[in-house]
Amino acid sequence: MGRTRPAFEIAPARATVKALLLETAGPPGTVGIGDRWYYSPALAAERAAAGVRFLTPYLPTSTEPDPARAAMLAASRYRFETVNGQLADRYHAKRKWA
């Protein structure tokens, strides 16, 4: 039986989000979606080498080659975040706002 991934992971408060992504990314064959601030060709290439497809819109909005793709990614992230918020409310999970 293979190793299972935890339902959640706790990270140090001073850790950068991009650094955490390298440690917490899913197993090969998975897809990750990030916002503009995750945009990094080097990071995407590193994740691709590990078998993880990491999708983000371009950071400079003016250089976005495919606005429809960026809108689709934003809509997907919005749905995920909405569901996570609803689950946190339902199960009385403690929230921390940055």
N, C-alpha and C. Protein backbone atom coordinates (compact mmCIF):
# COMPACT_ATOMS: atom_id res chain seq x y z
N MET A 1 0.83 -1.17 0.00
CA MET A 1 0.00 0.00 0.00
C MET A 1 0.88 1.24 0.00
N GLY A 2 0.52 2.24 -0.82
CA GLY A 2 1.33 3.45 -0.96
C GLY A 2 1.15 4.42 0.20
N ARG A 3 2.02 5.36 0.24
CA ARG A 3 1.97 6.39 1.28
C ARG A 3 0.79 7.33 1.02
N THR A 4 0.02 7.61 2.03
CA THR A 4 -1.10 8.53 1.88
C THR A 4 -0.68 9.94 2.27
N ARG A 5 -1.32 10.91 1.66
CA ARG A 5 -1.03 12.31 1.98
C ARG A 5 -1.91 12.75 3.13
N PRO A 6 -1.39 13.58 4.02
CA PRO A 6 -2.21 14.07 5.12
C PRO A 6 -3.33 14.97 4.62
N ALA A 7 -4.38 15.10 5.41
CA ALA A 7 -5.50 15.96 5.04
C ALA A 7 -5.10 17.43 5.10
N PHE A 8 -4.13 17.75 5.93
CA PHE A 8 -3.64 19.12 6.02
C PHE A 8 -2.20 19.08 6.50
N GLU A 9 -1.49 20.17 6.28
CA GLU A 9 -0.12 20.26 6.75
C GLU A 9 0.07 21.60 7.42
N ILE A 10 0.88 21.64 8.45
CA ILE A 10 1.16 22.88 9.17
C ILE A 10 2.57 23.33 8.79
N ALA A 11 2.68 24.63 8.52
CA ALA A 11 3.96 25.18 8.09
C ALA A 11 4.42 26.26 9.06
N PRO A 12 5.73 26.48 9.11
CA PRO A 12 6.24 27.56 9.96
C PRO A 12 5.70 28.92 9.48
N ALA A 13 5.47 29.84 10.39
CA ALA A 13 4.90 31.14 10.04
C ALA A 13 5.81 31.96 9.13
N ARG A 14 7.10 31.77 9.24
CA ARG A 14 8.04 32.57 8.46
C ARG A 14 8.38 31.95 7.10
N ALA A 15 7.83 30.82 6.80
CA ALA A 15 8.13 30.16 5.53
C ALA A 15 7.46 30.89 4.38
N THR A 16 8.16 30.99 3.25
CA THR A 16 7.55 31.62 2.08
C THR A 16 6.61 30.63 1.41
N VAL A 17 5.60 31.15 0.78
CA VAL A 17 4.60 30.30 0.14
C VAL A 17 5.22 29.48 -0.98
N LYS A 18 6.09 30.09 -1.78
CA LYS A 18 6.72 29.36 -2.88
C LYS A 18 7.61 28.23 -2.36
N ALA A 19 8.30 28.47 -1.24
CA ALA A 19 9.13 27.42 -0.66
C ALA A 19 8.27 26.27 -0.16
N LEU A 20 7.13 26.59 0.42
CA LEU A 20 6.23 25.54 0.92
C LEU A 20 5.66 24.71 -0.22
N LEU A 21 5.43 25.35 -1.34
CA LEU A 21 4.87 24.63 -2.48
C LEU A 21 5.76 23.47 -2.89
N LEU A 22 7.06 23.67 -2.82
CA LEU A 22 7.99 22.60 -3.19
C LEU A 22 7.87 21.41 -2.25
N GLU A 23 7.57 21.66 -0.98
CA GLU A 23 7.47 20.58 -0.01
C GLU A 23 6.10 19.91 0.02
N THR A 24 5.05 20.66 -0.29
CA THR A 24 3.70 20.14 -0.10
C THR A 24 2.98 19.80 -1.40
N ALA A 25 3.65 19.94 -2.53
CA ALA A 25 2.99 19.66 -3.81
C ALA A 25 2.56 18.20 -3.85
N GLY A 26 1.52 17.94 -4.60
CA GLY A 26 0.95 16.60 -4.69
C GLY A 26 1.85 15.61 -5.40
N PRO A 27 1.41 14.37 -5.46
CA PRO A 27 2.18 13.32 -6.11
C PRO A 27 2.18 13.49 -7.63
N PRO A 28 3.08 12.81 -8.33
CA PRO A 28 3.13 12.91 -9.78
C PRO A 28 1.77 12.61 -10.41
N GLY A 29 1.46 13.38 -11.45
CA GLY A 29 0.19 13.20 -12.14
C GLY A 29 -0.91 14.13 -11.65
N THR A 30 -0.61 14.97 -10.66
CA THR A 30 -1.62 15.90 -10.14
C THR A 30 -1.45 17.28 -10.77
N VAL A 31 -2.46 18.11 -10.57
CA VAL A 31 -2.45 19.48 -11.09
C VAL A 31 -2.66 20.44 -9.93
N GLY A 32 -1.87 21.50 -9.90
CA GLY A 32 -2.03 22.55 -8.89
C GLY A 32 -2.43 23.85 -9.56
N ILE A 33 -3.22 24.66 -8.87
CA ILE A 33 -3.64 25.96 -9.39
C ILE A 33 -3.24 27.02 -8.39
N GLY A 34 -2.54 28.04 -8.86
CA GLY A 34 -2.13 29.14 -7.99
C GLY A 34 -2.60 30.47 -8.55
N ASP A 35 -2.51 31.52 -7.72
CA ASP A 35 -2.86 32.84 -8.22
C ASP A 35 -1.64 33.49 -8.86
N ARG A 36 -1.78 34.73 -9.29
CA ARG A 36 -0.69 35.42 -10.01
C ARG A 36 0.60 35.47 -9.21
N TRP A 37 0.51 35.55 -7.91
CA TRP A 37 1.71 35.70 -7.09
C TRP A 37 2.54 34.42 -7.03
N TYR A 38 2.00 33.31 -7.50
CA TYR A 38 2.76 32.07 -7.60
C TYR A 38 3.47 31.96 -8.94
N TYR A 39 3.25 32.91 -9.84
CA TYR A 39 3.83 32.82 -11.18
C TYR A 39 5.35 32.79 -11.10
N SER A 40 5.92 31.73 -11.63
CA SER A 40 7.37 31.58 -11.68
C SER A 40 7.68 30.46 -12.67
N PRO A 41 8.23 30.81 -13.84
CA PRO A 41 8.58 29.76 -14.80
C PRO A 41 9.52 28.71 -14.20
N ALA A 42 10.45 29.14 -13.36
CA ALA A 42 11.38 28.19 -12.74
C ALA A 42 10.63 27.23 -11.81
N LEU A 43 9.69 27.75 -11.04
CA LEU A 43 8.90 26.92 -10.13
C LEU A 43 8.04 25.93 -10.92
N ALA A 44 7.42 26.41 -11.99
CA ALA A 44 6.59 25.53 -12.82
C ALA A 44 7.44 24.43 -13.45
N ALA A 45 8.65 24.77 -13.88
CA ALA A 45 9.55 23.77 -14.48
C ALA A 45 9.98 22.74 -13.44
N GLU A 46 10.26 23.20 -12.23
CA GLU A 46 10.66 22.28 -11.16
C GLU A 46 9.52 21.32 -10.80
N ARG A 47 8.31 21.85 -10.72
CA ARG A 47 7.15 21.00 -10.44
C ARG A 47 6.90 20.02 -11.59
N ALA A 48 7.07 20.49 -12.83
CA ALA A 48 6.88 19.62 -13.99
C ALA A 48 7.89 18.47 -13.97
N ALA A 49 9.11 18.74 -13.54
CA ALA A 49 10.12 17.69 -13.44
C ALA A 49 9.71 16.63 -12.42
N ALA A 50 8.91 17.03 -11.42
CA ALA A 50 8.42 16.10 -10.41
C ALA A 50 7.10 15.46 -10.81
N GLY A 51 6.61 15.79 -12.02
CA GLY A 51 5.37 15.19 -12.51
C GLY A 51 4.10 15.92 -12.10
N VAL A 52 4.25 17.14 -11.58
CA VAL A 52 3.09 17.93 -11.15
C VAL A 52 2.92 19.10 -12.11
N ARG A 53 1.73 19.25 -12.63
CA ARG A 53 1.43 20.37 -13.53
C ARG A 53 0.92 21.52 -12.68
N PHE A 54 1.62 22.65 -12.71
CA PHE A 54 1.27 23.80 -11.87
C PHE A 54 0.83 24.96 -12.76
N LEU A 55 -0.43 25.35 -12.64
CA LEU A 55 -1.01 26.37 -13.50
C LEU A 55 -1.20 27.68 -12.74
N THR A 56 -0.71 28.77 -13.33
CA THR A 56 -0.91 30.11 -12.77
C THR A 56 -1.09 31.09 -13.92
N PRO A 57 -1.84 32.18 -13.68
CA PRO A 57 -1.87 33.25 -14.68
C PRO A 57 -0.52 33.97 -14.67
N TYR A 58 -0.25 34.72 -15.72
CA TYR A 58 0.98 35.50 -15.78
C TYR A 58 0.92 36.59 -14.72
N LEU A 59 2.08 36.90 -14.12
CA LEU A 59 2.10 37.94 -13.09
C LEU A 59 1.84 39.32 -13.67
N PRO A 60 2.55 39.76 -14.69
CA PRO A 60 2.14 41.04 -15.25
C PRO A 60 0.88 40.83 -16.09
N THR A 61 -0.25 41.30 -15.60
CA THR A 61 -1.53 41.07 -16.28
C THR A 61 -1.48 41.51 -17.73
N SER A 62 -0.74 42.57 -18.01
CA SER A 62 -0.68 43.10 -19.38
C SER A 62 -0.01 42.13 -20.35
N THR A 63 0.76 41.16 -19.85
CA THR A 63 1.44 40.22 -20.74
C THR A 63 0.72 38.88 -20.83
N GLU A 64 -0.45 38.77 -20.23
CA GLU A 64 -1.21 37.51 -20.24
C GLU A 64 -1.56 37.14 -21.68
N PRO A 65 -1.01 36.02 -22.20
CA PRO A 65 -1.29 35.64 -23.59
C PRO A 65 -2.68 35.04 -23.79
N ASP A 66 -3.28 34.53 -22.72
CA ASP A 66 -4.59 33.88 -22.84
C ASP A 66 -5.50 34.33 -21.70
N PRO A 67 -6.17 35.48 -21.87
CA PRO A 67 -7.04 35.98 -20.80
C PRO A 67 -8.16 35.01 -20.41
N ALA A 68 -8.66 34.22 -21.35
CA ALA A 68 -9.72 33.26 -21.03
C ALA A 68 -9.20 32.20 -20.06
N ARG A 69 -7.97 31.74 -20.27
CA ARG A 69 -7.35 30.75 -19.37
C ARG A 69 -7.17 31.35 -17.98
N ALA A 70 -6.71 32.60 -17.92
CA ALA A 70 -6.53 33.27 -16.63
C ALA A 70 -7.86 33.39 -15.89
N ALA A 71 -8.92 33.71 -16.63
CA ALA A 71 -10.25 33.83 -16.02
C ALA A 71 -10.74 32.47 -15.50
N MET A 72 -10.47 31.41 -16.26
CA MET A 72 -10.87 30.06 -15.84
C MET A 72 -10.12 29.65 -14.56
N LEU A 73 -8.83 29.95 -14.49
CA LEU A 73 -8.06 29.63 -13.29
C LEU A 73 -8.58 30.41 -12.08
N ALA A 74 -8.88 31.70 -12.30
CA ALA A 74 -9.39 32.52 -11.20
C ALA A 74 -10.74 32.00 -10.72
N ALA A 75 -11.60 31.61 -11.65
CA ALA A 75 -12.92 31.09 -11.27
C ALA A 75 -12.78 29.77 -10.50
N SER A 76 -11.86 28.93 -10.93
CA SER A 76 -11.64 27.65 -10.23
C SER A 76 -11.15 27.89 -8.81
N ARG A 77 -10.17 28.78 -8.66
CA ARG A 77 -9.65 29.08 -7.32
C ARG A 77 -10.73 29.68 -6.44
N TYR A 78 -11.58 30.54 -7.01
CA TYR A 78 -12.67 31.14 -6.25
C TYR A 78 -13.59 30.06 -5.69
N ARG A 79 -13.91 29.07 -6.53
CA ARG A 79 -14.78 27.98 -6.08
C ARG A 79 -14.13 27.18 -4.95
N PHE A 80 -12.85 26.85 -5.11
CA PHE A 80 -12.15 26.09 -4.07
C PHE A 80 -12.15 26.87 -2.75
N GLU A 81 -11.82 28.15 -2.83
CA GLU A 81 -11.75 28.95 -1.61
C GLU A 81 -13.11 29.11 -0.96
N THR A 82 -14.16 29.23 -1.77
CA THR A 82 -15.51 29.34 -1.23
C THR A 82 -15.90 28.07 -0.49
N VAL A 83 -15.63 26.93 -1.09
CA VAL A 83 -15.96 25.65 -0.46
C VAL A 83 -15.15 25.48 0.82
N ASN A 84 -13.86 25.82 0.78
CA ASN A 84 -13.05 25.71 2.00
C ASN A 84 -13.61 26.59 3.11
N GLY A 85 -14.05 27.79 2.77
CA GLY A 85 -14.65 28.67 3.76
C GLY A 85 -15.93 28.10 4.34
N GLN A 86 -16.76 27.51 3.49
CA GLN A 86 -18.00 26.91 3.96
C GLN A 86 -17.72 25.72 4.88
N LEU A 87 -16.74 24.91 4.52
CA LEU A 87 -16.39 23.77 5.37
C LEU A 87 -15.84 24.24 6.71
N ALA A 88 -15.03 25.30 6.69
CA ALA A 88 -14.50 25.84 7.94
C ALA A 88 -15.64 26.31 8.84
N ASP A 89 -16.63 26.97 8.25
CA ASP A 89 -17.79 27.42 9.04
C ASP A 89 -18.57 26.23 9.59
N ARG A 90 -18.82 25.27 8.75
CA ARG A 90 -19.63 24.12 9.16
C ARG A 90 -18.98 23.33 10.29
N TYR A 91 -17.67 23.14 10.20
CA TYR A 91 -16.98 22.32 11.20
C TYR A 91 -16.26 23.15 12.26
N HIS A 92 -16.58 24.43 12.30
CA HIS A 92 -16.05 25.34 13.32
C HIS A 92 -14.52 25.31 13.38
N ALA A 93 -13.91 25.31 12.22
CA ALA A 93 -12.45 25.35 12.15
C ALA A 93 -11.98 26.77 12.45
N LYS A 94 -10.89 26.86 13.14
CA LYS A 94 -10.35 28.16 13.50
C LYS A 94 -9.69 28.77 12.26
N ARG A 95 -9.94 30.04 12.02
CA ARG A 95 -9.35 30.72 10.86
C ARG A 95 -8.32 31.74 11.32
N LYS A 96 -7.30 31.87 10.52
CA LYS A 96 -6.28 32.90 10.74
C LYS A 96 -6.22 33.74 9.47
N TRP A 97 -6.35 35.03 9.61
CA TRP A 97 -6.29 35.93 8.45
C TRP A 97 -4.91 36.58 8.43
N ALA A 98 -4.31 36.61 7.26
CA ALA A 98 -2.99 37.23 7.11
C ALA A 98 -3.12 38.73 6.98
